């Protein structure tokens, strides 16, 4: 993993551990649907206890677009800020954190940096991620994606 932003990676690692511990604590007593709710509650407590709430009104960013799990903002310079609502994590938020760590391992030139938590425009609890903004001359071909 890219250690350039060790404090950011620390936050990602801490959040991963919280999600994992919450699931392990539930064991067999809770349905898989309950994992995500419990994990979210634990992450909200973590954010409260550690001052990890990001107030978007204090960031100089412009709304760009919304996708299946992200609201995306641009800083007008070199980065995008993404509010990820964990939609693609399924019933276990640990899936989200594993996916971000894998992305950072394999795509170290455009790593995600987790900077905290916020609520999006739909009032959904989100991880706040920063990533380099890439202005591509063209989209990747199917062959390039498959390679």
C-alpha atoms as a PDB file:
ATOM      1  CA  UNK A   1       0.000   0.000   0.000  1.00  0.00           C
ATOM      2  CA  UNK A   2       1.181   3.535  -0.725  1.00  0.00           C
ATOM      3  CA  UNK A   3       2.519   4.923   2.564  1.00  0.00           C
ATOM      4  CA  UNK A   4       2.882   8.502   1.307  1.00  0.00           C
ATOM      5  CA  UNK A   5      -0.231   9.449   3.250  1.00  0.00           C
ATOM      6  CA  UNK A   6       0.296   7.326   6.371  1.00  0.00           C
ATOM      7  CA  UNK A   7      -2.219   9.223   8.519  1.00  0.00           C
ATOM      8  CA  UNK A   8      -4.848   8.732   5.829  1.00  0.00           C
ATOM      9  CA  UNK A   9      -4.013   5.048   5.519  1.00  0.00           C
ATOM     10  CA  UNK A  10      -4.234   4.853   9.306  1.00  0.00           C
ATOM     11  CA  UNK A  11      -7.803   6.180   9.181  1.00  0.00           C
ATOM     12  CA  UNK A  12      -8.686   3.650   6.482  1.00  0.00           C
ATOM     13  CA  UNK A  13      -7.114   0.848   8.529  1.00  0.00           C
ATOM     14  CA  UNK A  14      -8.877   1.951  11.723  1.00  0.00           C
ATOM     15  CA  UNK A  15     -12.253   2.079   9.979  1.00  0.00           C
ATOM     16  CA  UNK A  16     -11.606  -1.369   8.489  1.00  0.00           C
ATOM     17  CA  UNK A  17     -10.868  -2.778  11.953  1.00  0.00           C
ATOM     18  CA  UNK A  18     -14.024  -1.207  13.389  1.00  0.00           C
ATOM     19  CA  UNK A  19     -16.161  -2.731  10.630  1.00  0.00           C
ATOM     20  CA  UNK A  20     -14.506  -6.130  11.116  1.00  0.00           C
ATOM     21  CA  UNK A  21     -14.789  -6.098  14.937  1.00  0.00           C
ATOM     22  CA  UNK A  22     -18.423  -5.066  14.763  1.00  0.00           C
ATOM     23  CA  UNK A  23     -19.200  -8.004  12.489  1.00  0.00           C
ATOM     24  CA  UNK A  24     -17.228 -10.430  14.665  1.00  0.00           C
ATOM     25  CA  UNK A  25     -19.019  -9.196  17.799  1.00  0.00           C
ATOM     26  CA  UNK A  26     -22.368  -9.923  16.175  1.00  0.00           C
ATOM     27  CA  UNK A  27     -21.288 -13.484  15.413  1.00  0.00           C
ATOM     28  CA  UNK A  28     -24.169 -15.786  14.629  1.00  0.00           C
ATOM     29  CA  UNK A  29     -26.618 -13.806  16.758  1.00  0.00           C
ATOM     30  CA  UNK A  30     -27.333 -11.202  14.111  1.00  0.00           C
ATOM     31  CA  UNK A  31     -28.478 -11.533  10.506  1.00  0.00           C
ATOM     32  CA  UNK A  32     -26.163 -10.314   7.768  1.00  0.00           C
ATOM     33  CA  UNK A  33     -28.576  -7.425   7.162  1.00  0.00           C
ATOM     34  CA  UNK A  34     -27.854  -6.272  10.698  1.00  0.00           C
ATOM     35  CA  UNK A  35     -24.074  -6.160  10.149  1.00  0.00           C
ATOM     36  CA  UNK A  36     -24.200  -3.022   8.061  1.00  0.00           C
ATOM     37  CA  UNK A  37     -26.447  -1.192  10.518  1.00  0.00           C
ATOM     38  CA  UNK A  38     -24.212  -2.115  13.465  1.00  0.00           C
ATOM     39  CA  UNK A  39     -21.044  -1.261  11.521  1.00  0.00           C
ATOM     40  CA  UNK A  40     -22.513   2.108  10.539  1.00  0.00           C
ATOM     41  CA  UNK A  41     -23.404   2.864  14.160  1.00  0.00           C
ATOM     42  CA  UNK A  42     -19.858   2.003  15.272  1.00  0.00           C
ATOM     43  CA  UNK A  43     -18.305   4.160  12.538  1.00  0.00           C
ATOM     44  CA  UNK A  44     -20.550   7.102  13.474  1.00  0.00           C
ATOM     45  CA  UNK A  45     -19.398   6.732  17.084  1.00  0.00           C
ATOM     46  CA  UNK A  46     -15.775   6.570  15.876  1.00  0.00           C
ATOM     47  CA  UNK A  47     -16.301   9.754  13.824  1.00  0.00           C
ATOM     48  CA  UNK A  48     -17.908  11.529  16.791  1.00  0.00           C
ATOM     49  CA  UNK A  49     -15.208  10.446  19.251  1.00  0.00           C
ATOM     50  CA  UNK A  50     -12.355  11.475  16.949  1.00  0.00           C
ATOM     51  CA  UNK A  51     -13.658  14.618  15.243  1.00  0.00           C
ATOM     52  CA  UNK A  52     -13.723  12.971  11.833  1.00  0.00           C
ATOM     53  CA  UNK A  53     -16.763  14.761  10.405  1.00  0.00           C
ATOM     54  CA  UNK A  54     -16.043  16.691   7.213  1.00  0.00           C
ATOM     55  CA  UNK A  55     -18.062  19.867   6.708  1.00  0.00           C
ATOM     56  CA  UNK A  56     -18.272  20.172   2.927  1.00  0.00           C
ATOM     57  CA  UNK A  57     -19.205  23.843   3.207  1.00  0.00           C
ATOM     58  CA  UNK A  58     -15.647  24.483   4.415  1.00  0.00           C
ATOM     59  CA  UNK A  59     -14.128  22.888   1.313  1.00  0.00           C
ATOM     60  CA  UNK A  60     -13.638  24.810  -1.911  1.00  0.00           C
ATOM     61  CA  UNK A  61     -15.305  22.200  -4.127  1.00  0.00           C
ATOM     62  CA  UNK A  62     -17.871  22.125  -6.930  1.00  0.00           C
ATOM     63  CA  UNK A  63     -20.442  19.377  -7.430  1.00  0.00           C
ATOM     64  CA  UNK A  64     -19.726  17.304 -10.560  1.00  0.00           C
ATOM     65  CA  UNK A  65     -22.010  14.265 -10.660  1.00  0.00           C
ATOM     66  CA  UNK A  66     -23.620  11.401  -8.798  1.00  0.00           C
ATOM     67  CA  UNK A  67     -23.213   7.708  -9.524  1.00  0.00           C
ATOM     68  CA  UNK A  68     -24.401   4.485  -7.945  1.00  0.00           C
ATOM     69  CA  UNK A  69     -22.508   5.015  -4.711  1.00  0.00           C
ATOM     70  CA  UNK A  70     -20.683   8.351  -4.986  1.00  0.00           C
ATOM     71  CA  UNK A  71     -21.442  12.033  -5.062  1.00  0.00           C
ATOM     72  CA  UNK A  72     -18.410  13.572  -6.768  1.00  0.00           C
ATOM     73  CA  UNK A  73     -16.999  17.068  -6.295  1.00  0.00           C
ATOM     74  CA  UNK A  74     -13.995  18.767  -7.934  1.00  0.00           C
ATOM     75  CA  UNK A  75     -11.596  21.076  -6.157  1.00  0.00           C
ATOM     76  CA  UNK A  76     -10.940  23.043  -9.361  1.00  0.00           C
ATOM     77  CA  UNK A  77      -7.374  21.851  -9.376  1.00  0.00           C
ATOM     78  CA  UNK A  78      -6.001  18.330  -9.050  1.00  0.00           C
ATOM     79  CA  UNK A  79      -8.398  16.334  -6.864  1.00  0.00           C
ATOM     80  CA  UNK A  80     -11.909  15.000  -6.646  1.00  0.00           C
ATOM     81  CA  UNK A  81     -13.765  14.491  -3.385  1.00  0.00           C
ATOM     82  CA  UNK A  82     -16.154  11.556  -3.268  1.00  0.00           C
ATOM     83  CA  UNK A  83     -18.895  10.900  -0.758  1.00  0.00           C
ATOM     84  CA  UNK A  84     -19.304   7.125  -0.857  1.00  0.00           C
ATOM     85  CA  UNK A  85     -22.554   5.820   0.644  1.00  0.00           C
ATOM     86  CA  UNK A  86     -21.337   2.185   0.874  1.00  0.00           C
ATOM     87  CA  UNK A  87     -24.072   1.062  -1.562  1.00  0.00           C
ATOM     88  CA  UNK A  88     -21.831  -1.492  -3.286  1.00  0.00           C
ATOM     89  CA  UNK A  89     -20.579  -2.945   0.018  1.00  0.00           C
ATOM     90  CA  UNK A  90     -23.673  -5.102   0.298  1.00  0.00           C
ATOM     91  CA  UNK A  91     -24.555  -6.100   3.854  1.00  0.00           C
ATOM     92  CA  UNK A  92     -20.987  -5.827   5.189  1.00  0.00           C
ATOM     93  CA  UNK A  93     -19.045  -2.540   5.215  1.00  0.00           C
ATOM     94  CA  UNK A  94     -15.779  -4.441   5.465  1.00  0.00           C
ATOM     95  CA  UNK A  95     -16.241  -5.169   1.734  1.00  0.00           C
ATOM     96  CA  UNK A  96     -15.956  -1.434   1.016  1.00  0.00           C
ATOM     97  CA  UNK A  97     -12.728  -1.039   2.963  1.00  0.00           C
ATOM     98  CA  UNK A  98     -11.185  -4.137   1.365  1.00  0.00           C
ATOM     99  CA  UNK A  99     -12.082  -2.754  -2.069  1.00  0.00           C
ATOM    100  CA  UNK A 100     -10.451   0.624  -1.312  1.00  0.00           C
ATOM    101  CA  UNK A 101      -7.279  -1.061  -0.014  1.00  0.00           C
ATOM    102  CA  UNK A 102      -7.131  -3.264  -3.136  1.00  0.00           C
ATOM    103  CA  UNK A 103      -7.628  -0.243  -5.381  1.00  0.00           C
ATOM    104  CA  UNK A 104      -4.756   1.562  -3.645  1.00  0.00           C
ATOM    105  CA  UNK A 105      -2.501  -1.473  -3.998  1.00  0.00           C
ATOM    106  CA  UNK A 106      -3.136  -1.974  -7.711  1.00  0.00           C
ATOM    107  CA  UNK A 107      -3.685   1.644  -8.766  1.00  0.00           C
ATOM    108  CA  UNK A 108      -1.124   3.476  -6.638  1.00  0.00           C
ATOM    109  CA  UNK A 109      -0.955   6.335  -9.144  1.00  0.00           C
ATOM    110  CA  UNK A 110      -4.572   7.314  -8.328  1.00  0.00           C
ATOM    111  CA  UNK A 111      -5.016   6.252  -4.701  1.00  0.00           C
ATOM    112  CA  UNK A 112      -8.007   6.973  -2.553  1.00  0.00           C
ATOM    113  CA  UNK A 113      -7.300   8.894   0.635  1.00  0.00           C
ATOM    114  CA  UNK A 114      -9.959   8.573   3.289  1.00  0.00           C
ATOM    115  CA  UNK A 115     -10.241  11.880   5.146  1.00  0.00           C
ATOM    116  CA  UNK A 116     -13.336  11.337   7.291  1.00  0.00           C
ATOM    117  CA  UNK A 117     -17.095  10.972   7.197  1.00  0.00           C
ATOM    118  CA  UNK A 118     -20.086  13.085   6.158  1.00  0.00           C
ATOM    119  CA  UNK A 119     -23.709  12.821   5.123  1.00  0.00           C
ATOM    120  CA  UNK A 120     -24.508  13.222   1.434  1.00  0.00           C
ATOM    121  CA  UNK A 121     -27.388  15.159  -0.148  1.00  0.00           C
ATOM    122  CA  UNK A 122     -29.695  12.189   0.534  1.00  0.00           C
ATOM    123  CA  UNK A 123     -28.657  12.226   4.232  1.00  0.00           C
ATOM    124  CA  UNK A 124     -26.858   8.892   3.847  1.00  0.00           C
ATOM    125  CA  UNK A 125     -23.791   8.202   5.998  1.00  0.00           C
ATOM    126  CA  UNK A 126     -20.700   8.288   3.783  1.00  0.00           C
ATOM    127  CA  UNK A 127     -16.958   7.863   3.773  1.00  0.00           C
ATOM    128  CA  UNK A 128     -15.239  10.972   2.396  1.00  0.00           C
ATOM    129  CA  UNK A 129     -12.524  10.062  -0.081  1.00  0.00           C
ATOM    130  CA  UNK A 130     -10.074  12.231  -1.997  1.00  0.00           C
ATOM    131  CA  UNK A 131      -8.524  11.029  -5.243  1.00  0.00           C
ATOM    132  CA  UNK A 132      -6.349  12.653  -7.919  1.00  0.00           C
ATOM    133  CA  UNK A 133      -8.412  14.091 -10.764  1.00  0.00           C
ATOM    134  CA  UNK A 134      -7.457  12.554 -14.091  1.00  0.00           C
ATOM    135  CA  UNK A 135      -8.452  14.346 -17.258  1.00  0.00           C
ATOM    136  CA  UNK A 136      -8.251  11.637 -19.897  1.00  0.00           C
ATOM    137  CA  UNK A 137      -7.890  12.322 -23.589  1.00  0.00           C
ATOM    138  CA  UNK A 138     -10.102   9.307 -24.265  1.00  0.00           C
ATOM    139  CA  UNK A 139     -11.884   6.532 -22.411  1.00  0.00           C
ATOM    140  CA  UNK A 140     -10.216   3.144 -22.052  1.00  0.00           C
ATOM    141  CA  UNK A 141     -11.146   0.482 -24.587  1.00  0.00           C
ATOM    142  CA  UNK A 142     -12.694  -2.833 -23.517  1.00  0.00           C
ATOM    143  CA  UNK A 143      -9.382  -4.568 -24.349  1.00  0.00           C
ATOM    144  CA  UNK A 144      -7.427  -2.117 -22.187  1.00  0.00           C
ATOM    145  CA  UNK A 145      -9.813  -2.652 -19.299  1.00  0.00           C
ATOM    146  CA  UNK A 146      -9.580  -6.440 -19.628  1.00  0.00           C
ATOM    147  CA  UNK A 147      -5.757  -6.418 -19.738  1.00  0.00           C
END
